[in-house]
Protein backbone atom coordinates (compact mmCIF):
# COMPACT_ATOMS: atom_id res chain seq x y z
CA MET A 1 -17.66 -9.91 2.14
CA LYS A 2 -16.70 -6.81 0.19
CA VAL A 3 -13.31 -5.10 0.35
CA SER A 4 -14.99 -2.06 1.95
CA GLU A 5 -15.87 -4.21 4.96
CA MET A 6 -12.27 -5.16 5.71
CA MET A 7 -10.15 -2.23 4.52
CA THR A 8 -8.54 0.49 6.61
CA ARG A 9 -10.12 3.88 6.01
CA ASN A 10 -8.68 7.37 6.60
CA VAL A 11 -5.46 6.60 4.79
CA ARG A 12 -2.74 9.23 4.84
CA LEU A 13 -1.34 10.27 1.47
CA ALA A 14 2.11 11.41 0.50
CA SER A 15 2.71 13.97 -2.21
CA PRO A 16 5.29 13.33 -4.94
CA ASP A 17 6.87 16.67 -3.96
CA GLN A 18 7.33 15.74 -0.30
CA THR A 19 10.69 14.57 0.92
CA ILE A 20 11.32 11.00 1.97
CA ARG A 21 12.03 12.41 5.44
CA ASP A 22 8.43 13.71 5.54
CA ALA A 23 7.07 10.37 4.33
CA ALA A 24 9.17 8.43 6.85
CA THR A 25 7.97 10.73 9.63
CA VAL A 26 4.32 10.01 8.76
CA MET A 27 5.07 6.27 8.59
CA ALA A 28 6.69 6.41 12.04
CA GLU A 29 3.82 8.44 13.54
CA GLN A 30 1.19 6.11 12.08
CA ASP A 31 3.22 2.90 12.66
CA ILE A 32 2.81 1.90 9.01
CA GLY A 33 5.19 0.78 6.29
CA SER A 34 3.72 2.44 3.23
CA LEU A 35 1.87 5.48 1.95
CA PRO A 36 -0.14 5.90 -1.22
CA VAL A 37 1.13 8.84 -3.26
CA GLY A 38 -1.44 11.25 -4.65
CA ASP A 39 -1.09 14.13 -7.07
CA ASN A 40 -4.00 16.38 -8.08
CA ASP A 41 -6.56 13.95 -6.69
CA ARG A 42 -5.01 10.99 -8.56
CA LEU A 43 -3.27 7.96 -7.14
CA VAL A 44 0.17 8.03 -8.80
CA GLY A 45 2.22 5.61 -6.74
CA MET A 46 3.14 4.04 -3.43
CA ILE A 47 6.14 4.64 -1.23
CA THR A 48 7.23 2.07 1.30
CA ASP A 49 9.83 2.01 4.01
CA ARG A 50 11.68 -0.48 1.81
CA ASP A 51 11.63 1.99 -1.12
CA ILE A 52 13.25 4.58 1.13
CA VAL A 53 15.96 2.18 2.25
CA VAL A 54 16.71 0.42 -1.05
CA ARG A 55 16.12 3.20 -3.58
CA ALA A 56 17.38 6.13 -1.54
CA ILE A 57 19.60 5.41 1.43
CA ALA A 58 21.41 2.43 -0.13
CA LYS A 59 22.23 4.61 -3.14
CA GLY A 60 23.55 7.49 -1.07
CA ARG A 61 20.53 9.75 -1.51
CA GLY A 62 19.67 12.09 1.33
CA ALA A 63 16.56 12.65 3.39
CA ASP A 64 15.60 15.58 1.16
CA THR A 65 15.09 13.28 -1.85
CA HIS A 66 11.60 13.69 -3.27
CA VAL A 67 9.06 10.90 -2.88
CA ARG A 68 8.60 10.83 -6.69
CA ASP A 69 12.24 9.79 -7.10
CA VAL A 70 11.90 6.56 -5.12
CA MET A 71 8.20 5.63 -5.17
CA THR A 72 6.75 2.71 -7.08
CA GLU A 73 4.73 4.07 -9.98
CA ASP A 74 3.22 0.91 -11.44
CA ILE A 75 0.81 0.14 -8.63
CA LYS A 76 -2.00 -2.34 -8.41
CA TYR A 77 -5.25 -1.41 -6.74
CA CYS A 78 -8.72 -2.78 -6.15
CA TYR A 79 -12.23 -1.39 -5.91
CA ASP A 80 -14.11 -1.10 -2.63
CA ASP A 81 -17.08 -3.07 -3.98
CA GLU A 82 -15.04 -6.09 -5.09
CA ASP A 83 -15.26 -9.48 -3.42
CA ALA A 84 -12.74 -9.74 -0.58
CA ASP A 85 -11.99 -13.43 -1.28
CA ARG A 86 -10.97 -12.64 -4.84
CA ILE A 87 -8.80 -9.73 -3.75
CA THR A 88 -6.98 -11.86 -1.17
CA ARG A 89 -6.22 -14.41 -3.90
CA ASP A 90 -5.01 -11.60 -6.16
CA MET A 91 -2.77 -10.26 -3.38
CA ALA A 92 -1.25 -13.73 -2.96
CA ASP A 93 -0.78 -14.22 -6.71
CA LEU A 94 0.87 -10.81 -7.07
CA HIS A 95 2.94 -11.20 -3.86
CA LEU A 96 1.45 -7.99 -2.42
CA ARG A 97 1.15 -7.19 1.28
CA ARG A 98 -1.14 -4.22 0.65
CA LEU A 99 -3.40 -2.75 -2.02
CA PRO A 100 -4.84 0.76 -2.29
CA VAL A 101 -8.64 0.71 -2.49
CA ILE A 102 -10.49 3.11 -4.76
CA ASN A 103 -14.16 3.66 -5.44
CA ARG A 104 -15.74 3.62 -8.89
CA ASP A 105 -15.11 7.39 -9.14
CA LYS A 106 -11.38 6.49 -8.90
CA ARG A 107 -10.98 8.18 -5.51
CA LEU A 108 -8.79 6.58 -2.85
CA VAL A 109 -11.03 5.35 -0.03
CA GLY A 110 -8.77 2.98 1.88
CA ILE A 111 -6.11 0.34 1.86
CA VAL A 112 -6.32 -3.39 2.37
CA SER A 113 -3.34 -5.15 3.89
CA LEU A 114 -2.26 -8.53 5.16
CA ALA A 115 -3.17 -7.26 8.63
CA ASN A 116 -6.74 -6.51 7.48
CA VAL A 117 -7.06 -10.02 6.09
CA THR A 118 -5.90 -11.59 9.35
CA ARG A 119 -8.28 -9.39 11.39
CA ILE A 120 -11.42 -10.56 9.58
CA GLY A 121 -10.97 -13.99 11.11
CA ASP A 122 -10.86 -15.94 7.86
CA GLY A 123 -7.89 -18.21 8.48
CA LYS A 124 -7.93 -19.64 4.97
CA ALA A 125 -7.79 -16.18 3.35
CA ALA A 126 -4.98 -15.08 5.68
CA GLU A 127 -3.03 -18.27 4.94
CA THR A 128 -3.46 -17.75 1.20
CA VAL A 129 -2.15 -14.19 1.30
CA LEU A 130 0.67 -15.03 3.67
CA GLN A 131 1.84 -17.92 1.50
CA GLY A 132 1.73 -15.68 -1.57
CA VAL A 133 3.70 -12.79 -0.07
CA ALA A 134 6.20 -15.10 1.61
CA GLN A 135 7.26 -16.68 -1.69
CA PRO A 136 10.37 -15.23 -3.29
CA HIS A 137 9.66 -13.41 -6.55
């Protein structure tokens, strides 16, 4: 199976110039915990609900803080034509719950998450990822 067969499509993007309030609102509306961050058609980071709490709120920053100030810049990603089994092993090894998915033109086309892995019905792959992300880093 390829990543494109298991990923979530139609992913919402945040802009580095948006506020964390805007990002949190989208996360709440979509019932998701993260948003890829795009700037000028390039994937430049990820912002998670945890980033907002730990990097902003816990440090006394307000809701008008820009996404760029709290996002994770060094992000990992995968390609849509890669083997899903390999990607699930990579997610476990890297302790990642989600990975942005890009095509070979470097355009964001989706996201693959622990939930996607569990939905495909491969219990071994789901167990591998879950064990990897559950380990303390």
